[in-house]
């Protein structure tokens, strides 16, 4: 069997998205996702609601740059579904760290974990919803921490919205205006009023999370926070994204 395995490796070489050969992901890339979740919403200008209510808290594991960007791009758009086994455990660990704070805030009230939906075109091209993999990992992590969490894919994108990749901050906001809707199945699953946490892969300007938050709030639900793998560092700041906020893991869930 070993010669067959070696032949397969020659014909279909395995490499980390950063370029390290002969491994699906290297120790360096894995280590970038090992840190604690940190508050990053202050670096996302389109999360500002402009109604006096502070932006929804967002926790990220790492800046969206360098090798992390390569990993996410390969995972979402280059057929590297095997990277689920790197990224999902990373958010599972993050959710387990955040779980006690959500449990303190909600007690035994169920927490709905809502994945940010992809566009129909992106879903067809990828053949799946990658963010749902992350959301299920968050559910498991919250449950491990004692929270009554459940996976609720409650939302969909309307046909008019295009994919956000390549759009600037204002264009992202315009693109998503009214583009996120509640599905019938999602409405039944959430009921009249649910506490929700959002899950996405990357926080860029915040326009996507803001649109999802508005869609849930219009339906009467409360969005307590969001968790992502990585956050784009603000352009005027050279510090890593993780330094733009604070963890609030062991404290109360507050909007700042």
Protein backbone atom coordinates (compact mmCIF):
# COMPACT_ATOMS: atom_id res chain seq x y z
CA UNK A 1 0.00 0.00 0.00
CA UNK A 2 2.87 2.41 0.70
CA UNK A 3 4.06 2.55 -2.96
CA UNK A 4 0.51 3.42 -4.01
CA UNK A 5 0.37 6.19 -1.43
CA UNK A 6 3.71 7.55 -2.59
CA UNK A 7 2.54 7.49 -6.22
CA UNK A 8 -0.63 9.39 -5.34
CA UNK A 9 1.44 12.00 -3.55
CA UNK A 10 3.59 12.44 -6.66
CA UNK A 11 0.59 12.79 -8.95
CA UNK A 12 -1.49 14.90 -6.54
CA UNK A 13 1.02 16.74 -4.36
CA UNK A 14 -0.22 18.01 -1.00
CA UNK A 15 0.81 21.43 0.24
CA UNK A 16 -0.23 23.95 2.83
CA UNK A 17 -1.90 27.02 1.27
CA UNK A 18 1.14 29.03 2.36
CA UNK A 19 3.30 26.84 0.10
CA UNK A 20 4.88 24.48 2.63
CA UNK A 21 5.14 21.13 0.83
CA UNK A 22 3.91 17.67 1.86
CA UNK A 23 1.52 18.82 4.59
CA UNK A 24 -2.15 19.81 4.38
CA UNK A 25 -1.38 22.67 6.74
CA UNK A 26 1.87 23.57 8.40
CA UNK A 27 2.52 24.16 12.09
CA UNK A 28 3.04 27.88 11.47
CA UNK A 29 -0.41 28.36 9.88
CA UNK A 30 -2.08 26.23 12.54
CA UNK A 31 -0.45 28.32 15.29
CA UNK A 32 -1.94 31.52 13.84
CA UNK A 33 -5.41 30.17 14.70
CA UNK A 34 -4.50 29.01 18.20
CA UNK A 35 -4.88 32.29 20.07
CA UNK A 36 -7.83 33.41 22.19
CA UNK A 37 -10.78 35.19 20.55
CA UNK A 38 -10.38 38.97 20.73
CA UNK A 39 -12.83 41.85 20.19
CA UNK A 40 -12.32 43.48 16.77
CA UNK A 41 -15.52 45.40 15.94
CA UNK A 42 -13.86 48.80 16.34
CA UNK A 43 -11.92 48.15 13.15
CA UNK A 44 -15.07 47.59 11.06
CA UNK A 45 -16.59 50.95 10.08
CA UNK A 46 -19.76 49.51 8.51
CA UNK A 47 -20.82 47.89 11.79
CA UNK A 48 -21.70 51.37 13.09
CA UNK A 49 -25.51 51.45 13.26
CA UNK A 50 -25.72 55.27 13.36
CA UNK A 51 -28.73 54.99 15.73
CA UNK A 52 -26.96 55.43 19.06
CA UNK A 53 -26.64 51.68 19.65
CA UNK A 54 -23.08 50.40 19.80
CA UNK A 55 -21.80 47.97 17.21
CA UNK A 56 -22.42 44.30 17.84
CA UNK A 57 -19.42 42.65 19.59
CA UNK A 58 -17.29 40.59 17.20
CA UNK A 59 -14.58 38.14 18.24
CA UNK A 60 -11.79 37.03 15.86
CA UNK A 61 -8.85 34.69 16.25
CA UNK A 62 -6.30 36.41 14.06
CA UNK A 63 -5.73 39.17 11.48
CA UNK A 64 -6.86 38.40 7.94
CA UNK A 65 -3.51 38.75 6.24
CA UNK A 66 -0.56 36.73 5.01
CA UNK A 67 -0.86 32.96 5.43
CA UNK A 68 -4.31 33.21 7.03
CA UNK A 69 -5.69 34.89 3.91
CA UNK A 70 -4.19 32.08 1.80
CA UNK A 71 -5.78 29.41 4.01
CA UNK A 72 -9.24 31.00 3.88
CA UNK A 73 -9.13 31.55 0.10
CA UNK A 74 -8.08 27.95 -0.55
CA UNK A 75 -10.72 26.67 1.87
CA UNK A 76 -13.59 28.64 0.36
CA UNK A 77 -12.82 28.93 -3.31
CA UNK A 78 -10.12 26.44 -4.32
CA UNK A 79 -11.67 23.18 -3.30
CA UNK A 80 -9.75 22.66 -0.05
CA UNK A 81 -12.63 21.28 2.01
CA UNK A 82 -10.01 19.26 3.92
CA UNK A 83 -9.15 22.54 5.69
CA UNK A 84 -12.44 22.11 7.59
CA UNK A 85 -10.35 20.00 9.97
CA UNK A 86 -8.10 22.97 10.70
CA UNK A 87 -10.61 25.83 10.79
CA UNK A 88 -13.60 24.21 12.50
CA UNK A 89 -11.59 23.11 15.58
CA UNK A 90 -10.18 26.64 15.85
CA UNK A 91 -13.66 28.16 16.16
CA UNK A 92 -14.74 25.30 18.43
CA UNK A 93 -11.97 26.32 20.84
CA UNK A 94 -12.96 29.98 20.56
CA UNK A 95 -16.62 29.22 21.30
CA UNK A 96 -15.66 27.12 24.28
CA UNK A 97 -13.74 30.12 25.64
CA UNK A 98 -16.69 32.45 25.03
CA UNK A 99 -19.33 30.02 26.27
CA UNK A 100 -19.27 30.91 29.99
CA UNK A 101 -19.96 34.60 29.24
CA UNK A 102 -22.97 33.71 27.09
CA UNK A 103 -24.19 31.27 29.72
CA UNK A 104 -23.88 33.92 32.43
CA UNK A 105 -25.92 36.32 30.29
CA UNK A 106 -28.61 33.87 29.19
CA UNK A 107 -28.72 31.09 31.77
CA UNK A 108 -30.58 28.17 30.24
CA UNK A 109 -32.14 30.28 27.47
CA UNK A 110 -31.23 28.68 24.12
CA UNK A 111 -28.72 30.55 21.97
CA UNK A 112 -29.28 30.36 18.21
CA UNK A 113 -26.04 30.13 16.22
CA UNK A 114 -26.79 31.68 12.82
CA UNK A 115 -24.33 31.34 9.91
CA UNK A 116 -23.98 34.28 7.55
CA UNK A 117 -25.46 33.06 4.24
CA UNK A 118 -23.56 32.91 0.96
CA UNK A 119 -24.94 34.19 -2.31
CA UNK A 120 -26.64 31.60 -4.48
CA UNK A 121 -23.89 31.91 -7.08
CA UNK A 122 -21.14 31.33 -4.52
CA UNK A 123 -22.98 28.34 -3.07
CA UNK A 124 -23.38 26.74 -6.48
CA UNK A 125 -19.73 27.37 -7.39
CA UNK A 126 -18.47 25.89 -4.12
CA UNK A 127 -21.00 23.08 -3.93
CA UNK A 128 -21.57 23.76 -0.23
CA UNK A 129 -21.90 26.42 2.49
CA UNK A 130 -18.44 26.58 4.15
CA UNK A 131 -19.56 28.95 6.91
CA UNK A 132 -22.11 26.39 8.09
CA UNK A 133 -19.17 24.13 8.98
CA UNK A 134 -17.84 26.88 11.23
CA UNK A 135 -21.26 27.55 12.76
CA UNK A 136 -21.70 23.89 13.71
CA UNK A 137 -18.28 23.97 15.36
CA UNK A 138 -19.36 27.05 17.34
CA UNK A 139 -22.50 25.21 18.49
CA UNK A 140 -20.39 22.30 19.76
CA UNK A 141 -17.97 24.63 21.53
CA UNK A 142 -20.75 26.57 23.26
CA UNK A 143 -22.40 23.33 24.34
CA UNK A 144 -19.11 22.08 25.76
CA UNK A 145 -19.03 25.28 27.84
CA UNK A 146 -22.55 24.70 29.18
CA UNK A 147 -24.59 26.91 26.86
CA UNK A 148 -27.84 25.67 25.32
CA UNK A 149 -26.76 26.39 21.73
CA UNK A 150 -28.44 25.27 18.52
CA UNK A 151 -27.57 25.59 14.84
CA UNK A 152 -30.16 27.69 12.96
CA UNK A 153 -29.45 28.50 9.27
CA UNK A 154 -32.20 31.11 9.31
CA UNK A 155 -31.19 33.49 6.52
CA UNK A 156 -30.72 33.66 2.76
CA UNK A 157 -29.38 36.20 0.28
CA UNK A 158 -31.77 37.78 -2.21
CA UNK A 159 -30.87 37.31 -5.85
CA UNK A 160 -29.77 40.90 -6.49
CA UNK A 161 -26.74 40.85 -4.20
CA UNK A 162 -23.38 39.92 -5.73
CA UNK A 163 -20.47 38.40 -3.87
CA UNK A 164 -18.68 40.89 -1.60
CA UNK A 165 -15.14 40.01 -2.70
CA UNK A 166 -13.42 42.99 -4.28
CA UNK A 167 -15.96 45.60 -3.17
CA UNK A 168 -15.01 48.64 -1.11
CA UNK A 169 -16.64 49.66 2.17
CA UNK A 170 -19.43 51.80 0.70
CA UNK A 171 -20.07 49.40 -2.17
CA UNK A 172 -20.43 46.54 0.30
CA UNK A 173 -23.08 48.47 2.19
CA UNK A 174 -25.03 49.31 -0.97
CA UNK A 175 -24.72 45.76 -2.25
CA UNK A 176 -26.26 44.32 0.90
CA UNK A 177 -29.01 46.88 1.45
CA UNK A 178 -32.11 44.72 1.88
CA UNK A 179 -30.29 41.71 0.43
CA UNK A 180 -30.59 39.42 3.46
CA UNK A 181 -33.93 37.85 4.30
CA UNK A 182 -35.36 35.41 6.80
CA UNK A 183 -36.38 32.05 5.35
CA UNK A 184 -39.66 30.43 6.30
CA UNK A 185 -37.85 27.53 7.86
CA UNK A 186 -35.61 29.94 9.76
CA UNK A 187 -38.58 31.90 11.05
CA UNK A 188 -40.18 28.71 12.37
CA UNK A 189 -36.93 27.57 13.99
CA UNK A 190 -36.27 30.91 15.72
CA UNK A 191 -39.84 31.41 16.91
CA UNK A 192 -41.05 34.78 18.16
CA UNK A 193 -37.86 35.96 19.84
CA UNK A 194 -34.43 34.34 20.06
CA UNK A 195 -31.01 35.35 21.26
CA UNK A 196 -28.55 34.90 18.38
CA UNK A 197 -24.83 34.79 17.75
CA UNK A 198 -23.60 35.18 14.16
CA UNK A 199 -20.80 33.21 12.52
CA UNK A 200 -18.78 34.19 9.45
CA UNK A 201 -15.32 33.46 8.14
CA UNK A 202 -13.89 36.99 7.86
CA UNK A 203 -14.78 40.45 9.16
CA UNK A 204 -13.86 43.10 6.58
CA UNK A 205 -15.89 46.33 6.72
CA UNK A 206 -18.71 44.87 8.80
CA UNK A 207 -21.34 45.47 6.10
CA UNK A 208 -22.30 41.81 5.89
CA UNK A 209 -22.72 41.33 9.63
CA UNK A 210 -24.68 44.60 9.86
CA UNK A 211 -27.09 43.42 7.15
CA UNK A 212 -27.57 40.09 8.91
CA UNK A 213 -28.11 41.83 12.25
CA UNK A 214 -30.78 44.09 10.73
CA UNK A 215 -32.59 41.14 9.13
CA UNK A 216 -32.78 39.32 12.46
CA UNK A 217 -33.77 42.43 14.40
CA UNK A 218 -36.57 43.20 11.94
CA UNK A 219 -37.96 39.76 12.75
CA UNK A 220 -37.84 40.49 16.49
CA UNK A 221 -34.64 38.66 17.45
CA UNK A 222 -31.68 39.82 19.54
CA UNK A 223 -28.13 39.61 18.17
CA UNK A 224 -25.70 39.31 21.08
CA UNK A 225 -22.47 39.00 19.14
CA UNK A 226 -20.57 37.42 16.27
CA UNK A 227 -17.50 35.27 15.91
CA UNK A 228 -15.21 34.99 12.88
CA UNK A 229 -11.95 33.31 12.02
CA UNK A 230 -10.12 36.50 11.09
CA UNK A 231 -10.54 40.26 10.80
CA UNK A 232 -9.03 42.64 8.26
CA UNK A 233 -6.75 45.11 10.06
CA UNK A 234 -7.82 48.75 9.68
CA UNK A 235 -5.78 50.31 6.83
CA UNK A 236 -4.43 53.17 8.93
CA UNK A 237 -3.03 50.88 11.61
CA UNK A 238 -0.11 48.50 11.22
CA UNK A 239 -0.88 46.62 14.43
CA UNK A 240 -2.41 43.16 14.21
CA UNK A 241 -6.22 43.09 14.24
CA UNK A 242 -6.19 41.27 17.55
CA UNK A 243 -4.82 44.40 19.23
CA UNK A 244 -7.76 46.58 18.23
CA UNK A 245 -10.04 45.29 20.95
CA UNK A 246 -10.22 43.31 24.14
CA UNK A 247 -11.27 39.78 24.77
CA UNK A 248 -14.16 40.22 27.23
CA UNK A 249 -14.09 36.42 27.49
CA UNK A 250 -14.31 36.38 31.27
CA UNK A 251 -16.47 39.48 31.63
CA UNK A 252 -19.99 40.49 30.75
CA UNK A 253 -21.18 40.67 27.20
CA UNK A 254 -21.25 44.39 26.53
CA UNK A 255 -21.28 46.61 23.44
CA UNK A 256 -18.56 49.20 23.53
